[in-house]
Amino acid sequence: MKETKAAGMRQLMGDDSGVGVVEVVLILVVIVALVIIFRDQITGLINRIFGGVNSGVDTLMP
């Protein structure tokens, strides 16, 4: 009985089939946290980029 429990435990410890899912979830959590922390800076950057694009279009087509 002890041998089958030990073998089952070794097999369980060697199983890494869910590791990829955990890694993806952790990466997504970090990205969401960074977006929340730097939300104002990201919004300002996007507004500056689109403002530059709009002014560039205005100079091409008056």
PDB file of N, CA and C in Angstrom:
ATOM      1  N   MET A   1       0.816  -1.196   0.000  1.00  0.00           N
ATOM      2  CA  MET A   1       0.000   0.000   0.000  1.00  0.00           C
ATOM      3  C   MET A   1       0.863   1.265   0.000  1.00  0.00           C
ATOM      4  N   LYS A   2       1.911   1.243   0.830  1.00  0.00           N
ATOM      5  CA  LYS A   2       2.788   2.419   0.896  1.00  0.00           C
ATOM      6  C   LYS A   2       3.509   2.645  -0.424  1.00  0.00           C
ATOM      7  N   GLU A   3       3.848   1.540  -1.101  1.00  0.00           N
ATOM      8  CA  GLU A   3       4.563   1.668  -2.365  1.00  0.00           C
ATOM      9  C   GLU A   3       3.684   2.318  -3.429  1.00  0.00           C
ATOM     10  N   THR A   4       2.406   1.990  -3.467  1.00  0.00           N
ATOM     11  CA  THR A   4       1.537   2.599  -4.461  1.00  0.00           C
ATOM     12  C   THR A   4       1.290   4.067  -4.144  1.00  0.00           C
ATOM     13  N   LYS A   5       1.224   4.422  -2.869  1.00  0.00           N
ATOM     14  CA  LYS A   5       1.080   5.830  -2.506  1.00  0.00           C
ATOM     15  C   LYS A   5       2.328   6.611  -2.893  1.00  0.00           C
ATOM     16  N   ALA A   6       3.487   6.031  -2.648  1.00  0.00           N
ATOM     17  CA  ALA A   6       4.743   6.694  -2.991  1.00  0.00           C
ATOM     18  C   ALA A   6       4.869   6.837  -4.507  1.00  0.00           C
ATOM     19  N   ALA A   7       4.493   5.797  -5.242  1.00  0.00           N
ATOM     20  CA  ALA A   7       4.568   5.876  -6.702  1.00  0.00           C
ATOM     21  C   ALA A   7       3.585   6.909  -7.237  1.00  0.00           C
ATOM     22  N   GLY A   8       2.385   6.940  -6.648  1.00  0.00           N
ATOM     23  CA  GLY A   8       1.398   7.940  -7.071  1.00  0.00           C
ATOM     24  C   GLY A   8       1.870   9.354  -6.778  1.00  0.00           C
ATOM     25  N   MET A   9       2.528   9.533  -5.617  1.00  0.00           N
ATOM     26  CA  MET A   9       3.035  10.856  -5.251  1.00  0.00           C
ATOM     27  C   MET A   9       4.157  11.286  -6.206  1.00  0.00           C
ATOM     28  N   ARG A  10       5.051  10.335  -6.557  1.00  0.00           N
ATOM     29  CA  ARG A  10       6.119  10.660  -7.506  1.00  0.00           C
ATOM     30  C   ARG A  10       5.547  11.047  -8.863  1.00  0.00           C
ATOM     31  N   GLN A  11       4.517  10.343  -9.298  1.00  0.00           N
ATOM     32  CA  GLN A  11       3.891  10.646 -10.581  1.00  0.00           C
ATOM     33  C   GLN A  11       3.220  12.015 -10.538  1.00  0.00           C
ATOM     34  N   LEU A  12       2.567  12.331  -9.432  1.00  0.00           N
ATOM     35  CA  LEU A  12       1.905  13.629  -9.288  1.00  0.00           C
ATOM     36  C   LEU A  12       2.918  14.766  -9.294  1.00  0.00           C
ATOM     37  N   MET A  13       4.033  14.574  -8.603  1.00  0.00           N
ATOM     38  CA  MET A  13       5.067  15.612  -8.540  1.00  0.00           C
ATOM     39  C   MET A  13       5.735  15.816  -9.904  1.00  0.00           C
ATOM     40  N   GLY A  14       5.779  14.796 -10.739  1.00  0.00           N
ATOM     41  CA  GLY A  14       6.393  14.899 -12.051  1.00  0.00           C
ATOM     42  C   GLY A  14       5.457  15.433 -13.113  1.00  0.00           C
ATOM     43  N   ASP A  15       4.181  15.557 -12.803  1.00  0.00           N
ATOM     44  CA  ASP A  15       3.194  16.019 -13.781  1.00  0.00           C
ATOM     45  C   ASP A  15       3.206  17.540 -13.839  1.00  0.00           C
ATOM     46  N   ASP A  16       3.523  18.083 -15.001  1.00  0.00           N
ATOM     47  CA  ASP A  16       3.564  19.539 -15.149  1.00  0.00           C
ATOM     48  C   ASP A  16       2.668  20.001 -16.296  1.00  0.00           C
ATOM     49  N   SER A  17       1.548  19.338 -16.468  1.00  0.00           N
ATOM     50  CA  SER A  17       0.677  19.650 -17.601  1.00  0.00           C
ATOM     51  C   SER A  17      -0.028  20.992 -17.445  1.00  0.00           C
ATOM     52  N   GLY A  18      -0.213  21.490 -16.233  1.00  0.00           N
ATOM     53  CA  GLY A  18      -0.908  22.757 -16.037  1.00  0.00           C
ATOM     54  C   GLY A  18       0.008  23.946 -15.876  1.00  0.00           C
ATOM     55  N   VAL A  19       1.313  23.741 -16.026  1.00  0.00           N
ATOM     56  CA  VAL A  19       2.274  24.807 -15.794  1.00  0.00           C
ATOM     57  C   VAL A  19       2.097  25.937 -16.802  1.00  0.00           C
ATOM     58  N   GLY A  20       1.846  25.628 -18.049  1.00  0.00           N
ATOM     59  CA  GLY A  20       1.694  26.670 -19.072  1.00  0.00           C
ATOM     60  C   GLY A  20       0.521  27.578 -18.788  1.00  0.00           C
ATOM     61  N   VAL A  21      -0.572  27.029 -18.298  1.00  0.00           N
ATOM     62  CA  VAL A  21      -1.760  27.829 -17.990  1.00  0.00           C
ATOM     63  C   VAL A  21      -1.458  28.780 -16.841  1.00  0.00           C
ATOM     64  N   VAL A  22      -0.771  28.288 -15.823  1.00  0.00           N
ATOM     65  CA  VAL A  22      -0.431  29.131 -14.677  1.00  0.00           C
ATOM     66  C   VAL A  22       0.473  30.277 -15.109  1.00  0.00           C
ATOM     67  N   GLU A  23       1.435  30.000 -15.956  1.00  0.00           N
ATOM     68  CA  GLU A  23       2.345  31.041 -16.429  1.00  0.00           C
ATOM     69  C   GLU A  23       1.594  32.114 -17.202  1.00  0.00           C
ATOM     70  N   VAL A  24       0.687  31.720 -18.072  1.00  0.00           N
ATOM     71  CA  VAL A  24      -0.081  32.685 -18.860  1.00  0.00           C
ATOM     72  C   VAL A  24      -0.948  33.543 -17.946  1.00  0.00           C
ATOM     73  N   VAL A  25      -1.582  32.925 -16.958  1.00  0.00           N
ATOM     74  CA  VAL A  25      -2.428  33.684 -16.027  1.00  0.00           C
ATOM     75  C   VAL A  25      -1.585  34.678 -15.236  1.00  0.00           C
ATOM     76  N   LEU A  26      -0.419  34.274 -14.768  1.00  0.00           N
ATOM     77  CA  LEU A  26       0.442  35.194 -14.016  1.00  0.00           C
ATOM     78  C   LEU A  26       0.917  36.358 -14.882  1.00  0.00           C
ATOM     79  N   ILE A  27       1.258  36.094 -16.130  1.00  0.00           N
ATOM     80  CA  ILE A  27       1.676  37.168 -17.034  1.00  0.00           C
ATOM     81  C   ILE A  27       0.529  38.140 -17.266  1.00  0.00           C
ATOM     82  N   LEU A  28      -0.685  37.632 -17.464  1.00  0.00           N
ATOM     83  CA  LEU A  28      -1.843  38.509 -17.652  1.00  0.00           C
ATOM     84  C   LEU A  28      -2.116  39.351 -16.414  1.00  0.00           C
ATOM     85  N   VAL A  29      -1.965  38.775 -15.232  1.00  0.00           N
ATOM     86  CA  VAL A  29      -2.167  39.529 -13.994  1.00  0.00           C
ATOM     87  C   VAL A  29      -1.157  40.659 -13.891  1.00  0.00           C
ATOM     88  N   VAL A  30       0.082  40.401 -14.233  1.00  0.00           N
ATOM     89  CA  VAL A  30       1.119  41.444 -14.186  1.00  0.00           C
ATOM     90  C   VAL A  30       0.813  42.547 -15.194  1.00  0.00           C
ATOM     91  N   ILE A  31       0.397  42.182 -16.400  1.00  0.00           N
ATOM     92  CA  ILE A  31       0.081  43.191 -17.422  1.00  0.00           C
ATOM     93  C   ILE A  31      -1.095  44.050 -16.992  1.00  0.00           C
ATOM     94  N   VAL A  32      -2.139  43.437 -16.459  1.00  0.00           N
ATOM     95  CA  VAL A  32      -3.309  44.202 -15.999  1.00  0.00           C
ATOM     96  C   VAL A  32      -2.912  45.134 -14.867  1.00  0.00           C
ATOM     97  N   ALA A  33      -2.087  44.662 -13.947  1.00  0.00           N
ATOM     98  CA  ALA A  33      -1.639  45.512 -12.836  1.00  0.00           C
ATOM     99  C   ALA A  33      -0.842  46.709 -13.350  1.00  0.00           C
ATOM    100  N   LEU A  34       0.034  46.487 -14.321  1.00  0.00           N
ATOM    101  CA  LEU A  34       0.820  47.597 -14.879  1.00  0.00           C
ATOM    102  C   LEU A  34      -0.069  48.606 -15.595  1.00  0.00           C
ATOM    103  N   VAL A  35      -1.071  48.125 -16.302  1.00  0.00           N
ATOM    104  CA  VAL A  35      -1.990  49.034 -16.994  1.00  0.00           C
ATOM    105  C   VAL A  35      -2.763  49.870 -15.976  1.00  0.00           C
ATOM    106  N   ILE A  36      -3.191  49.248 -14.891  1.00  0.00           N
ATOM    107  CA  ILE A  36      -3.927  49.990 -13.863  1.00  0.00           C
ATOM    108  C   ILE A  36      -3.024  51.020 -13.196  1.00  0.00           C
ATOM    109  N   ILE A  37      -1.789  50.649 -12.899  1.00  0.00           N
ATOM    110  CA  ILE A  37      -0.867  51.573 -12.229  1.00  0.00           C
ATOM    111  C   ILE A  37      -0.510  52.754 -13.125  1.00  0.00           C
ATOM    112  N   PHE A  38      -0.242  52.496 -14.393  1.00  0.00           N
ATOM    113  CA  PHE A  38       0.220  53.543 -15.305  1.00  0.00           C
ATOM    114  C   PHE A  38      -0.873  54.012 -16.253  1.00  0.00           C
ATOM    115  N   ARG A  39      -2.120  53.946 -15.837  1.00  0.00           N
ATOM    116  CA  ARG A  39      -3.261  54.298 -16.689  1.00  0.00           C
ATOM    117  C   ARG A  39      -3.183  55.744 -17.182  1.00  0.00           C
ATOM    118  N   ASP A  40      -2.881  56.683 -16.291  1.00  0.00           N
ATOM    119  CA  ASP A  40      -2.833  58.100 -16.699  1.00  0.00           C
ATOM    120  C   ASP A  40      -1.712  58.357 -17.706  1.00  0.00           C
ATOM    121  N   GLN A  41      -0.544  57.762 -17.474  1.00  0.00           N
ATOM    122  CA  GLN A  41       0.570  57.956 -18.403  1.00  0.00           C
ATOM    123  C   GLN A  41       0.263  57.331 -19.766  1.00  0.00           C
ATOM    124  N   ILE A  42      -0.362  56.176 -19.780  1.00  0.00           N
ATOM    125  CA  ILE A  42      -0.701  55.521 -21.043  1.00  0.00           C
ATOM    126  C   ILE A  42      -1.734  56.346 -21.802  1.00  0.00           C
ATOM    127  N   THR A  43      -2.743  56.863 -21.097  1.00  0.00           N
ATOM    128  CA  THR A  43      -3.766  57.694 -21.733  1.00  0.00           C
ATOM    129  C   THR A  43      -3.143  58.957 -22.326  1.00  0.00           C
ATOM    130  N   GLY A  44      -2.255  59.609 -21.578  1.00  0.00           N
ATOM    131  CA  GLY A  44      -1.582  60.805 -22.078  1.00  0.00           C
ATOM    132  C   GLY A  44      -0.737  60.515 -23.308  1.00  0.00           C
ATOM    133  N   LEU A  45      -0.038  59.398 -23.290  1.00  0.00           N
ATOM    134  CA  LEU A  45       0.792  59.015 -24.432  1.00  0.00           C
ATOM    135  C   LEU A  45      -0.059  58.766 -25.672  1.00  0.00           C
ATOM    136  N   ILE A  46      -1.156  58.061 -25.508  1.00  0.00           N
ATOM    137  CA  ILE A  46      -2.037  57.780 -26.646  1.00  0.00           C
ATOM    138  C   ILE A  46      -2.648  59.068 -27.183  1.00  0.00           C
ATOM    139  N   ASN A  47      -3.044  59.965 -26.297  1.00  0.00           N
ATOM    140  CA  ASN A  47      -3.598  61.256 -26.745  1.00  0.00           C
ATOM    141  C   ASN A  47      -2.566  62.066 -27.518  1.00  0.00           C
ATOM    142  N   ARG A  48      -1.304  62.065 -27.054  1.00  0.00           N
ATOM    143  CA  ARG A  48      -0.248  62.790 -27.776  1.00  0.00           C
ATOM    144  C   ARG A  48       0.001  62.167 -29.143  1.00  0.00           C
ATOM    145  N   ILE A  49      -0.010  60.842 -29.209  1.00  0.00           N
ATOM    146  CA  ILE A  49       0.235  60.170 -30.495  1.00  0.00           C
ATOM    147  C   ILE A  49      -0.870  60.505 -31.485  1.00  0.00           C
ATOM    148  N   PHE A  50      -2.132  60.383 -31.051  1.00  0.00           N
ATOM    149  CA  PHE A  50      -3.234  60.675 -31.967  1.00  0.00           C
ATOM    150  C   PHE A  50      -3.323  62.161 -32.280  1.00  0.00           C
ATOM    151  N   GLY A  51      -2.920  63.013 -31.347  1.00  0.00           N
ATOM    152  CA  GLY A  51      -2.874  64.450 -31.637  1.00  0.00           C
ATOM    153  C   GLY A  51      -1.859  64.757 -32.725  1.00  0.00           C
ATOM    154  N   GLY A  52      -0.702  64.074 -32.657  1.00  0.00           N
ATOM    155  CA  GLY A  52       0.321  64.255 -33.694  1.00  0.00           C
ATOM    156  C   GLY A  52      -0.150  63.726 -35.043  1.00  0.00           C
ATOM    157  N   VAL A  53      -0.849  62.623 -35.030  1.00  0.00           N
ATOM    158  CA  VAL A  53      -1.371  62.068 -36.277  1.00  0.00           C
ATOM    159  C   VAL A  53      -2.394  63.011 -36.880  1.00  0.00           C
ATOM    160  N   ASN A  54      -3.292  63.525 -36.044  1.00  0.00           N
ATOM    161  CA  ASN A  54      -4.321  64.456 -36.545  1.00  0.00           C
ATOM    162  C   ASN A  54      -3.707  65.728 -37.100  1.00  0.00           C
ATOM    163  N   SER A  55      -2.704  66.276 -36.424  1.00  0.00           N
ATOM    164  CA  SER A  55      -2.081  67.502 -36.932  1.00  0.00           C
ATOM    165  C   SER A  55      -1.310  67.215 -38.214  1.00  0.00           C
ATOM    166  N   GLY A  56      -0.735  66.023 -38.342  1.00  0.00           N
ATOM    167  CA  GLY A  56      -0.051  65.640 -39.571  1.00  0.00           C
ATOM    168  C   GLY A  56      -1.007  65.510 -40.744  1.00  0.00           C
ATOM    169  N   VAL A  57      -2.182  64.985 -40.487  1.00  0.00           N
ATOM    170  CA  VAL A  57      -3.193  64.850 -41.528  1.00  0.00           C
ATOM    171  C   VAL A  57      -3.696  66.234 -41.933  1.00  0.00           C
ATOM    172  N   ASP A  58      -3.856  67.120 -40.945  1.00  0.00           N
ATOM    173  CA  ASP A  58      -4.322  68.474 -41.248  1.00  0.00           C
ATOM    174  C   ASP A  58      -3.343  69.229 -42.131  1.00  0.00           C
ATOM    175  N   THR A  59      -2.042  68.986 -41.956  1.00  0.00           N
ATOM    176  CA  THR A  59      -1.062  69.673 -42.813  1.00  0.00           C
ATOM    177  C   THR A  59      -1.042  69.071 -44.221  1.00  0.00           C
ATOM    178  N   LEU A  60      -1.381  67.800 -44.360  1.00  0.00           N
ATOM    179  CA  LEU A  60      -1.410  67.177 -45.684  1.00  0.00           C
ATOM    180  C   LEU A  60      -2.656  67.570 -46.456  1.00  0.00           C
ATOM    181  N   MET A  61      -3.784  67.671 -45.756  1.00  0.00           N
ATOM    182  CA  MET A  61      -5.062  68.004 -46.400  1.00  0.00           C
ATOM    183  C   MET A  61      -5.672  69.209 -45.710  1.00  0.00           C
ATOM    184  N   PRO A  62      -5.338  70.398 -46.196  1.00  0.00           N
ATOM    185  CA  PRO A  62      -5.858  71.611 -45.532  1.00  0.00           C
ATOM    186  C   PRO A  62      -7.346  71.814 -45.734  1.00  0.00           C
TER     187      PRO A  62
END
